[in-house]
Amino acid sequence: RYSVSMKLYELEEGLAKRSFVRISRSEIVNYR
């Protein structure tokens, strides 16, 4: 487990095309 300095919405925007999808208000997962 790691701590990251980015906000969840920033990660979601940057990783949307990389197999990540939001599953709840507080979490995004790598669907692969």
PDB file of all heavy atoms in Angstrom:
ATOM      1  N   ARG A   1       0.849  -1.191   0.000  1.00  0.00           N
ATOM      2  CA  ARG A   1       0.000   0.000   0.000  1.00  0.00           C
ATOM      3  C   ARG A   1       0.882   1.237   0.000  1.00  0.00           C
ATOM      4  O   ARG A   1       1.907   1.276   0.687  1.00  0.00           O
ATOM      5  CB  ARG A   1      -0.888  -0.018   1.231  1.00  0.00           C
ATOM      6  CG  ARG A   1      -1.917   1.091   1.260  1.00  0.00           C
ATOM      7  CD  ARG A   1      -2.811   0.919   2.444  1.00  0.00           C
ATOM      8  NE  ARG A   1      -2.412   1.881   3.468  1.00  0.00           N
ATOM      9  CZ  ARG A   1      -3.241   2.494   4.278  1.00  0.00           C
ATOM     10  NH1 ARG A   1      -4.528   2.235   4.230  1.00  0.00           N
ATOM     11  NH2 ARG A   1      -2.801   3.351   5.159  1.00  0.00           N
ATOM     12  N   TYR A   2       0.468   2.244  -0.766  1.00  0.00           N
ATOM     13  CA  TYR A   2       1.239   3.474  -0.901  1.00  0.00           C
ATOM     14  C   TYR A   2       0.339   4.683  -0.684  1.00  0.00           C
ATOM     15  O   TYR A   2      -0.849   4.635  -0.975  1.00  0.00           O
ATOM     16  CB  TYR A   2       1.841   3.577  -2.310  1.00  0.00           C
ATOM     17  CG  TYR A   2       2.579   2.345  -2.759  1.00  0.00           C
ATOM     18  CD1 TYR A   2       1.946   1.366  -3.515  1.00  0.00           C
ATOM     19  CD2 TYR A   2       3.908   2.149  -2.415  1.00  0.00           C
ATOM     20  CE1 TYR A   2       2.617   0.232  -3.927  1.00  0.00           C
ATOM     21  CE2 TYR A   2       4.595   1.011  -2.825  1.00  0.00           C
ATOM     22  CZ  TYR A   2       3.939   0.062  -3.577  1.00  0.00           C
ATOM     23  OH  TYR A   2       4.605  -1.062  -3.969  1.00  0.00           O
ATOM     24  N   SER A   3       0.950   5.753  -0.238  1.00  0.00           N
ATOM     25  CA  SER A   3       0.266   7.040  -0.157  1.00  0.00           C
ATOM     26  C   SER A   3       0.672   7.846  -1.387  1.00  0.00           C
ATOM     27  O   SER A   3       1.844   7.865  -1.756  1.00  0.00           O
ATOM     28  CB  SER A   3       0.709   7.763   1.120  1.00  0.00           C
ATOM     29  OG  SER A   3       0.183   9.064   1.149  1.00  0.00           O
ATOM     30  N   VAL A   4      -0.300   8.471  -2.033  1.00  0.00           N
ATOM     31  CA  VAL A   4      -0.002   9.302  -3.197  1.00  0.00           C
ATOM     32  C   VAL A   4      -0.502  10.710  -2.939  1.00  0.00           C
ATOM     33  O   VAL A   4      -1.463  10.925  -2.208  1.00  0.00           O
ATOM     34  CB  VAL A   4      -0.617   8.731  -4.501  1.00  0.00           C
ATOM     35  CG1 VAL A   4       0.005   7.405  -4.851  1.00  0.00           C
ATOM     36  CG2 VAL A   4      -2.111   8.598  -4.398  1.00  0.00           C
ATOM     37  N   SER A   5       0.176  11.692  -3.547  1.00  0.00           N
ATOM     38  CA  SER A   5      -0.169  13.089  -3.285  1.00  0.00           C
ATOM     39  C   SER A   5      -1.250  13.623  -4.219  1.00  0.00           C
ATOM     40  O   SER A   5      -1.782  14.700  -3.989  1.00  0.00           O
ATOM     41  CB  SER A   5       1.082  13.961  -3.394  1.00  0.00           C
ATOM     42  OG  SER A   5       1.632  13.851  -4.690  1.00  0.00           O
ATOM     43  N   MET A   6      -1.594  12.892  -5.257  1.00  0.00           N
ATOM     44  CA  MET A   6      -2.607  13.357  -6.198  1.00  0.00           C
ATOM     45  C   MET A   6      -4.010  13.130  -5.639  1.00  0.00           C
ATOM     46  O   MET A   6      -4.223  12.253  -4.807  1.00  0.00           O
ATOM     47  CB  MET A   6      -2.457  12.620  -7.534  1.00  0.00           C
ATOM     48  CG  MET A   6      -1.141  12.911  -8.228  1.00  0.00           C
ATOM     49  SD  MET A   6      -0.927  11.922  -9.724  1.00  0.00           S
ATOM     50  CE  MET A   6      -2.079  12.745 -10.815  1.00  0.00           C
ATOM     51  N   LYS A   7      -4.945  13.912  -6.119  1.00  0.00           N
ATOM     52  CA  LYS A   7      -6.356  13.738  -5.760  1.00  0.00           C
ATOM     53  C   LYS A   7      -6.927  12.603  -6.603  1.00  0.00           C
ATOM     54  O   LYS A   7      -6.445  12.309  -7.693  1.00  0.00           O
ATOM     55  CB  LYS A   7      -7.151  15.015  -6.036  1.00  0.00           C
ATOM     56  CG  LYS A   7      -6.611  16.231  -5.323  1.00  0.00           C
ATOM     57  CD  LYS A   7      -7.008  16.198  -3.887  1.00  0.00           C
ATOM     58  CE  LYS A   7      -6.626  17.512  -3.219  1.00  0.00           C
ATOM     59  NZ  LYS A   7      -6.153  17.321  -1.882  1.00  0.00           N
ATOM     60  N   LEU A   8      -7.978  11.989  -6.109  1.00  0.00           N
ATOM     61  CA  LEU A   8      -8.589  10.861  -6.803  1.00  0.00           C
ATOM     62  C   LEU A   8      -9.092  11.274  -8.191  1.00  0.00           C
ATOM     63  O   LEU A   8      -8.907  10.538  -9.164  1.00  0.00           O
ATOM     64  CB  LEU A   8      -9.726  10.288  -5.958  1.00  0.00           C
ATOM     65  CG  LEU A   8     -10.108   8.847  -6.207  1.00  0.00           C
ATOM     66  CD1 LEU A   8      -8.930   7.912  -6.056  1.00  0.00           C
ATOM     67  CD2 LEU A   8     -11.225   8.424  -5.281  1.00  0.00           C
ATOM     68  N   TYR A   9      -9.700  12.437  -8.315  1.00  0.00           N
ATOM     69  CA  TYR A   9     -10.204  12.870  -9.621  1.00  0.00           C
ATOM     70  C   TYR A   9      -9.061  13.112 -10.606  1.00  0.00           C
ATOM     71  O   TYR A   9      -9.211  12.875 -11.807  1.00  0.00           O
ATOM     72  CB  TYR A   9     -11.112  14.095  -9.508  1.00  0.00           C
ATOM     73  CG  TYR A   9     -10.400  15.402  -9.228  1.00  0.00           C
ATOM     74  CD1 TYR A   9      -9.943  16.193 -10.281  1.00  0.00           C
ATOM     75  CD2 TYR A   9     -10.204  15.853  -7.931  1.00  0.00           C
ATOM     76  CE1 TYR A   9      -9.284  17.395 -10.035  1.00  0.00           C
ATOM     77  CE2 TYR A   9      -9.553  17.042  -7.679  1.00  0.00           C
ATOM     78  CZ  TYR A   9      -9.102  17.815  -8.737  1.00  0.00           C
ATOM     79  OH  TYR A   9      -8.460  18.998  -8.493  1.00  0.00           O
ATOM     80  N   GLU A  10      -7.885  13.550 -10.121  1.00  0.00           N
ATOM     81  CA  GLU A  10      -6.727  13.737 -10.994  1.00  0.00           C
ATOM     82  C   GLU A  10      -6.225  12.390 -11.508  1.00  0.00           C
ATOM     83  O   GLU A  10      -5.889  12.251 -12.689  1.00  0.00           O
ATOM     84  CB  GLU A  10      -5.600  14.453 -10.247  1.00  0.00           C
ATOM     85  CG  GLU A  10      -5.919  15.868  -9.849  1.00  0.00           C
ATOM     86  CD  GLU A  10      -4.877  16.472  -8.914  1.00  0.00           C
ATOM     87  OE1 GLU A  10      -4.244  15.725  -8.136  1.00  0.00           O
ATOM     88  OE2 GLU A  10      -4.714  17.699  -8.961  1.00  0.00           O
ATOM     89  N   LEU A  11      -6.188  11.419 -10.623  1.00  0.00           N
ATOM     90  CA  LEU A  11      -5.782  10.074 -11.020  1.00  0.00           C
ATOM     91  C   LEU A  11      -6.772   9.492 -12.021  1.00  0.00           C
ATOM     92  O   LEU A  11      -6.385   8.908 -13.029  1.00  0.00           O
ATOM     93  CB  LEU A  11      -5.671   9.163  -9.796  1.00  0.00           C
ATOM     94  CG  LEU A  11      -4.509   9.462  -8.866  1.00  0.00           C
ATOM     95  CD1 LEU A  11      -4.729   8.804  -7.509  1.00  0.00           C
ATOM     96  CD2 LEU A  11      -3.208   9.002  -9.484  1.00  0.00           C
ATOM     97  N   GLU A  12      -8.052   9.676 -11.765  1.00  0.00           N
ATOM     98  CA  GLU A  12      -9.084   9.156 -12.653  1.00  0.00           C
ATOM     99  C   GLU A  12      -8.946   9.751 -14.052  1.00  0.00           C
ATOM    100  O   GLU A  12      -8.992   9.030 -15.050  1.00  0.00           O
ATOM    101  CB  GLU A  12     -10.468   9.459 -12.096  1.00  0.00           C
ATOM    102  CG  GLU A  12     -11.591   8.950 -12.970  1.00  0.00           C
ATOM    103  CD  GLU A  12     -12.960   9.305 -12.433  1.00  0.00           C
ATOM    104  OE1 GLU A  12     -13.075  10.255 -11.642  1.00  0.00           O
ATOM    105  OE2 GLU A  12     -13.920   8.629 -12.833  1.00  0.00           O
ATOM    106  N   GLU A  13      -8.747  11.062 -14.143  1.00  0.00           N
ATOM    107  CA  GLU A  13      -8.593  11.724 -15.442  1.00  0.00           C
ATOM    108  C   GLU A  13      -7.355  11.208 -16.179  1.00  0.00           C
ATOM    109  O   GLU A  13      -7.401  10.940 -17.371  1.00  0.00           O
ATOM    110  CB  GLU A  13      -8.488  13.235 -15.266  1.00  0.00           C
ATOM    111  CG  GLU A  13      -9.782  13.900 -14.860  1.00  0.00           C
ATOM    112  CD  GLU A  13      -9.597  15.361 -14.465  1.00  0.00           C
ATOM    113  OE1 GLU A  13      -8.467  15.902 -14.577  1.00  0.00           O
ATOM    114  OE2 GLU A  13     -10.594  15.963 -14.039  1.00  0.00           O
ATOM    115  N   GLY A  14      -6.253  11.071 -15.464  1.00  0.00           N
ATOM    116  CA  GLY A  14      -5.011  10.636 -16.093  1.00  0.00           C
ATOM    117  C   GLY A  14      -4.959   9.167 -16.446  1.00  0.00           C
ATOM    118  O   GLY A  14      -4.238   8.764 -17.348  1.00  0.00           O
ATOM    119  N   LEU A  15      -5.740   8.364 -15.735  1.00  0.00           N
ATOM    120  CA  LEU A  15      -5.664   6.915 -15.921  1.00  0.00           C
ATOM    121  C   LEU A  15      -6.880   6.304 -16.609  1.00  0.00           C
ATOM    122  O   LEU A  15      -6.941   5.093 -16.786  1.00  0.00           O
ATOM    123  CB  LEU A  15      -5.460   6.231 -14.565  1.00  0.00           C
ATOM    124  CG  LEU A  15      -4.177   6.591 -13.833  1.00  0.00           C
ATOM    125  CD1 LEU A  15      -4.205   6.052 -12.405  1.00  0.00           C
ATOM    126  CD2 LEU A  15      -2.969   6.079 -14.581  1.00  0.00           C
ATOM    127  N   ALA A  16      -7.815   7.136 -17.023  1.00  0.00           N
ATOM    128  CA  ALA A  16      -9.047   6.619 -17.629  1.00  0.00           C
ATOM    129  C   ALA A  16      -8.767   5.768 -18.855  1.00  0.00           C
ATOM    130  O   ALA A  16      -9.417   4.754 -19.077  1.00  0.00           O
ATOM    131  CB  ALA A  16      -9.979   7.778 -17.986  1.00  0.00           C
ATOM    132  N   LYS A  17      -7.783   6.163 -19.647  1.00  0.00           N
ATOM    133  CA  LYS A  17      -7.473   5.388 -20.852  1.00  0.00           C
ATOM    134  C   LYS A  17      -6.522   4.237 -20.561  1.00  0.00           C
ATOM    135  O   LYS A  17      -6.126   3.520 -21.461  1.00  0.00           O
ATOM    136  CB  LYS A  17      -6.893   6.304 -21.923  1.00  0.00           C
ATOM    137  CG  LYS A  17      -5.628   7.022 -21.524  1.00  0.00           C
ATOM    138  CD  LYS A  17      -5.177   7.986 -22.607  1.00  0.00           C
ATOM    139  CE  LYS A  17      -3.975   8.768 -22.177  1.00  0.00           C
ATOM    140  NZ  LYS A  17      -4.238   9.887 -21.317  1.00  0.00           N
ATOM    141  N   ARG A  18      -6.175   4.044 -19.302  1.00  0.00           N
ATOM    142  CA  ARG A  18      -5.207   3.010 -18.920  1.00  0.00           C
ATOM    143  C   ARG A  18      -5.833   1.935 -18.037  1.00  0.00           C
ATOM    144  O   ARG A  18      -5.232   1.477 -17.089  1.00  0.00           O
ATOM    145  CB  ARG A  18      -4.049   3.650 -18.152  1.00  0.00           C
ATOM    146  CG  ARG A  18      -3.291   4.696 -18.879  1.00  0.00           C
ATOM    147  CD  ARG A  18      -1.970   4.267 -19.448  1.00  0.00           C
ATOM    148  NE  ARG A  18      -1.295   3.177 -18.872  1.00  0.00           N
ATOM    149  CZ  ARG A  18      -0.247   3.248 -18.070  1.00  0.00           C
ATOM    150  NH1 ARG A  18       0.230   4.400 -17.698  1.00  0.00           N
ATOM    151  NH2 ARG A  18       0.338   2.170 -17.654  1.00  0.00           N
ATOM    152  N   SER A  19      -7.051   1.561 -18.306  1.00  0.00           N
ATOM    153  CA  SER A  19      -7.693   0.433 -17.621  1.00  0.00           C
ATOM    154  C   SER A  19      -8.222   0.753 -16.226  1.00  0.00           C
ATOM    155  O   SER A  19      -8.512  -0.162 -15.470  1.00  0.00           O
ATOM    156  CB  SER A  19      -6.747  -0.767 -17.516  1.00  0.00           C
ATOM    157  OG  SER A  19      -6.207  -1.081 -18.751  1.00  0.00           O
ATOM    158  N   PHE A  20      -8.342   2.015 -15.862  1.00  0.00           N
ATOM    159  CA  PHE A  20      -8.880   2.364 -14.554  1.00  0.00           C
ATOM    160  C   PHE A  20     -10.295   2.906 -14.716  1.00  0.00           C
ATOM    161  O   PHE A  20     -10.591   3.635 -15.659  1.00  0.00           O
ATOM    162  CB  PHE A  20      -7.998   3.399 -13.853  1.00  0.00           C
ATOM    163  CG  PHE A  20      -6.754   2.808 -13.265  1.00  0.00           C
ATOM    164  CD1 PHE A  20      -5.638   2.598 -14.058  1.00  0.00           C
ATOM    165  CD2 PHE A  20      -6.693   2.446 -11.933  1.00  0.00           C
ATOM    166  CE1 PHE A  20      -4.486   2.046 -13.535  1.00  0.00           C
ATOM    167  CE2 PHE A  20      -5.550   1.884 -11.390  1.00  0.00           C
ATOM    168  CZ  PHE A  20      -4.435   1.685 -12.199  1.00  0.00           C
ATOM    169  N   VAL A  21     -11.153   2.542 -13.784  1.00  0.00           N
ATOM    170  CA  VAL A  21     -12.537   2.973 -13.820  1.00  0.00           C
ATOM    171  C   VAL A  21     -13.001   3.273 -12.392  1.00  0.00           C
ATOM    172  O   VAL A  21     -12.595   2.600 -11.440  1.00  0.00           O
ATOM    173  CB  VAL A  21     -13.433   1.898 -14.481  1.00  0.00           C
ATOM    174  CG1 VAL A  21     -13.418   0.601 -13.690  1.00  0.00           C
ATOM    175  CG2 VAL A  21     -14.838   2.408 -14.696  1.00  0.00           C
ATOM    176  N   ARG A  22     -13.844   4.298 -12.261  1.00  0.00           N
ATOM    177  CA  ARG A  22     -14.380   4.649 -10.940  1.00  0.00           C
ATOM    178  C   ARG A  22     -15.478   3.664 -10.578  1.00  0.00           C
ATOM    179  O   ARG A  22     -16.370   3.393 -11.368  1.00  0.00           O
ATOM    180  CB  ARG A  22     -14.933   6.068 -10.938  1.00  0.00           C
ATOM    181  CG  ARG A  22     -15.395   6.491  -9.545  1.00  0.00           C
ATOM    182  CD  ARG A  22     -15.800   7.940  -9.503  1.00  0.00           C
ATOM    183  NE  ARG A  22     -14.663   8.843  -9.574  1.00  0.00           N
ATOM    184  CZ  ARG A  22     -13.989   9.301  -8.514  1.00  0.00           C
ATOM    185  NH1 ARG A  22     -14.316   8.913  -7.297  1.00  0.00           N
ATOM    186  NH2 ARG A  22     -12.995  10.143  -8.671  1.00  0.00           N
ATOM    187  N   ILE A  23     -15.392   3.130  -9.360  1.00  0.00           N
ATOM    188  CA  ILE A  23     -16.422   2.200  -8.894  1.00  0.00           C
ATOM    189  C   ILE A  23     -17.245   2.786  -7.761  1.00  0.00           C
ATOM    190  O   ILE A  23     -18.303   2.264  -7.432  1.00  0.00           O
ATOM    191  CB  ILE A  23     -15.819   0.847  -8.463  1.00  0.00           C
ATOM    192  CG1 ILE A  23     -14.853   1.012  -7.306  1.00  0.00           C
ATOM    193  CG2 ILE A  23     -15.180   0.143  -9.654  1.00  0.00           C
ATOM    194  CD1 ILE A  23     -14.519  -0.286  -6.598  1.00  0.00           C
ATOM    195  N   SER A  24     -16.744   3.865  -7.155  1.00  0.00           N
ATOM    196  CA  SER A  24     -17.488   4.540  -6.101  1.00  0.00           C
ATOM    197  C   SER A  24     -16.942   5.958  -5.963  1.00  0.00           C
ATOM    198  O   SER A  24     -15.970   6.321  -6.625  1.00  0.00           O
ATOM    199  CB  SER A  24     -17.350   3.798  -4.763  1.00  0.00           C
ATOM    200  OG  SER A  24     -16.039   3.915  -4.265  1.00  0.00           O
ATOM    201  N   ARG A  25     -17.561   6.734  -5.099  1.00  0.00           N
ATOM    202  CA  ARG A  25     -17.108   8.109  -4.880  1.00  0.00           C
ATOM    203  C   ARG A  25     -15.677   8.167  -4.376  1.00  0.00           C
ATOM    204  O   ARG A  25     -14.950   9.119  -4.619  1.00  0.00           O
ATOM    205  CB  ARG A  25     -18.046   8.778  -3.877  1.00  0.00           C
ATOM    206  CG  ARG A  25     -18.184  10.239  -4.077  1.00  0.00           C
ATOM    207  CD  ARG A  25     -19.309  10.772  -3.237  1.00  0.00           C
ATOM    208  NE  ARG A  25     -18.720  11.747  -2.335  1.00  0.00           N
ATOM    209  CZ  ARG A  25     -19.115  11.983  -1.119  1.00  0.00           C
ATOM    210  NH1 ARG A  25     -20.116  11.306  -0.622  1.00  0.00           N
ATOM    211  NH2 ARG A  25     -18.524  12.888  -0.398  1.00  0.00           N
ATOM    212  N   SER A  26     -15.248   7.104  -3.715  1.00  0.00           N
ATOM    213  CA  SER A  26     -13.934   7.135  -3.086  1.00  0.00           C
ATOM    214  C   SER A  26     -12.932   6.132  -3.645  1.00  0.00           C
ATOM    215  O   SER A  26     -11.874   5.929  -3.057  1.00  0.00           O
ATOM    216  CB  SER A  26     -14.087   6.889  -1.581  1.00  0.00           C
ATOM    217  OG  SER A  26     -14.653   5.618  -1.361  1.00  0.00           O
ATOM    218  N   GLU A  27     -13.243   5.512  -4.802  1.00  0.00           N
ATOM    219  CA  GLU A  27     -12.305   4.500  -5.301  1.00  0.00           C
ATOM    220  C   GLU A  27     -12.365   4.337  -6.817  1.00  0.00           C
ATOM    221  O   GLU A  27     -13.429   4.377  -7.419  1.00  0.00           O
ATOM    222  CB  GLU A  27     -12.600   3.149  -4.639  1.00  0.00           C
ATOM    223  CG  GLU A  27     -11.586   2.083  -4.934  1.00  0.00           C
ATOM    224  CD  GLU A  27     -11.733   0.867  -4.036  1.00  0.00           C
ATOM    225  OE1 GLU A  27     -12.785   0.686  -3.400  1.00  0.00           O
ATOM    226  OE2 GLU A  27     -10.768   0.083  -3.977  1.00  0.00           O
ATOM    227  N   ILE A  28     -11.167   4.137  -7.398  1.00  0.00           N
ATOM    228  CA  ILE A  28     -11.054   3.722  -8.796  1.00  0.00           C
ATOM    229  C   ILE A  28     -10.207   2.453  -8.817  1.00  0.00           C
ATOM    230  O   ILE A  28      -9.319   2.289  -7.984  1.00  0.00           O
ATOM    231  CB  ILE A  28     -10.448   4.818  -9.709  1.00  0.00           C
ATOM    232  CG1 ILE A  28      -9.046   5.227  -9.266  1.00  0.00           C
ATOM    233  CG2 ILE A  28     -11.355   6.022  -9.805  1.00  0.00           C
ATOM    234  CD1 ILE A  28      -8.361   6.212 -10.201  1.00  0.00           C
ATOM    235  N   VAL A  29     -10.517   1.547  -9.744  1.00  0.00           N
ATOM    236  CA  VAL A  29      -9.796   0.278  -9.811  1.00  0.00           C
ATOM    237  C   VAL A  29      -9.255   0.042 -11.213  1.00  0.00           C
ATOM    238  O   VAL A  29      -9.773   0.566 -12.191  1.00  0.00           O
ATOM    239  CB  VAL A  29     -10.663  -0.932  -9.388  1.00  0.00           C
ATOM    240  CG1 VAL A  29     -11.110  -0.830  -7.951  1.00  0.00           C
ATOM    241  CG2 VAL A  29     -11.832  -1.139 -10.322  1.00  0.00           C
ATOM    242  N   ASN A  30      -8.208  -0.768 -11.273  1.00  0.00           N
ATOM    243  CA  ASN A  30      -7.641  -1.222 -12.536  1.00  0.00           C
ATOM    244  C   ASN A  30      -8.433  -2.456 -12.939  1.00  0.00           C
ATOM    245  O   ASN A  30      -8.271  -3.525 -12.363  1.00  0.00           O
ATOM    246  CB  ASN A  30      -6.167  -1.560 -12.349  1.00  0.00           C
ATOM    247  CG  ASN A  30      -5.477  -1.946 -13.623  1.00  0.00           C
ATOM    248  OD1 ASN A  30      -6.101  -2.324 -14.593  1.00  0.00           O
ATOM    249  ND2 ASN A  30      -4.156  -1.873 -13.612  1.00  0.00           N
ATOM    250  N   TYR A  31      -9.333  -2.297 -13.934  1.00  0.00           N
ATOM    251  CA  TYR A  31     -10.213  -3.414 -14.254  1.00  0.00           C
ATOM    252  C   TYR A  31      -9.480  -4.599 -14.868  1.00  0.00           C
ATOM    253  O   TYR A  31     -10.007  -5.701 -14.900  1.00  0.00           O
ATOM    254  CB  TYR A  31     -11.409  -2.991 -15.111  1.00  0.00           C
ATOM    255  CG  TYR A  31     -11.088  -2.438 -16.481  1.00  0.00           C
ATOM    256  CD1 TYR A  31     -10.822  -3.266 -17.556  1.00  0.00           C
ATOM    257  CD2 TYR A  31     -11.086  -1.065 -16.696  1.00  0.00           C
ATOM    258  CE1 TYR A  31     -10.555  -2.750 -18.804  1.00  0.00           C
ATOM    259  CE2 TYR A  31     -10.828  -0.541 -17.944  1.00  0.00           C
ATOM    260  CZ  TYR A  31     -10.565  -1.389 -18.995  1.00  0.00           C
ATOM    261  OH  TYR A  31     -10.300  -0.880 -20.231  1.00  0.00           O
ATOM    262  N   ARG A  32      -8.241  -4.427 -15.288  1.00  0.00           N
ATOM    263  CA  ARG A  32      -7.461  -5.563 -15.797  1.00  0.00           C
ATOM    264  C   ARG A  32      -6.908  -6.414 -14.644  1.00  0.00           C
ATOM    265  O   ARG A  32      -6.389  -7.493 -14.868  1.00  0.00           O
ATOM    266  CB  ARG A  32      -6.324  -5.081 -16.683  1.00  0.00           C
ATOM    267  CG  ARG A  32      -6.834  -4.339 -17.896  1.00  0.00           C
ATOM    268  CD  ARG A  32      -5.832  -4.349 -19.000  1.00  0.00           C
ATOM    269  NE  ARG A  32      -6.259  -3.531 -20.102  1.00  0.00           N
ATOM    270  CZ  ARG A  32      -7.135  -3.907 -21.026  1.00  0.00           C
ATOM    271  NH1 ARG A  32      -7.679  -5.089 -20.964  1.00  0.00           N
ATOM    272  NH2 ARG A  32      -7.481  -3.101 -22.006  1.00  0.00           N
TER     273      ARG A  32
END
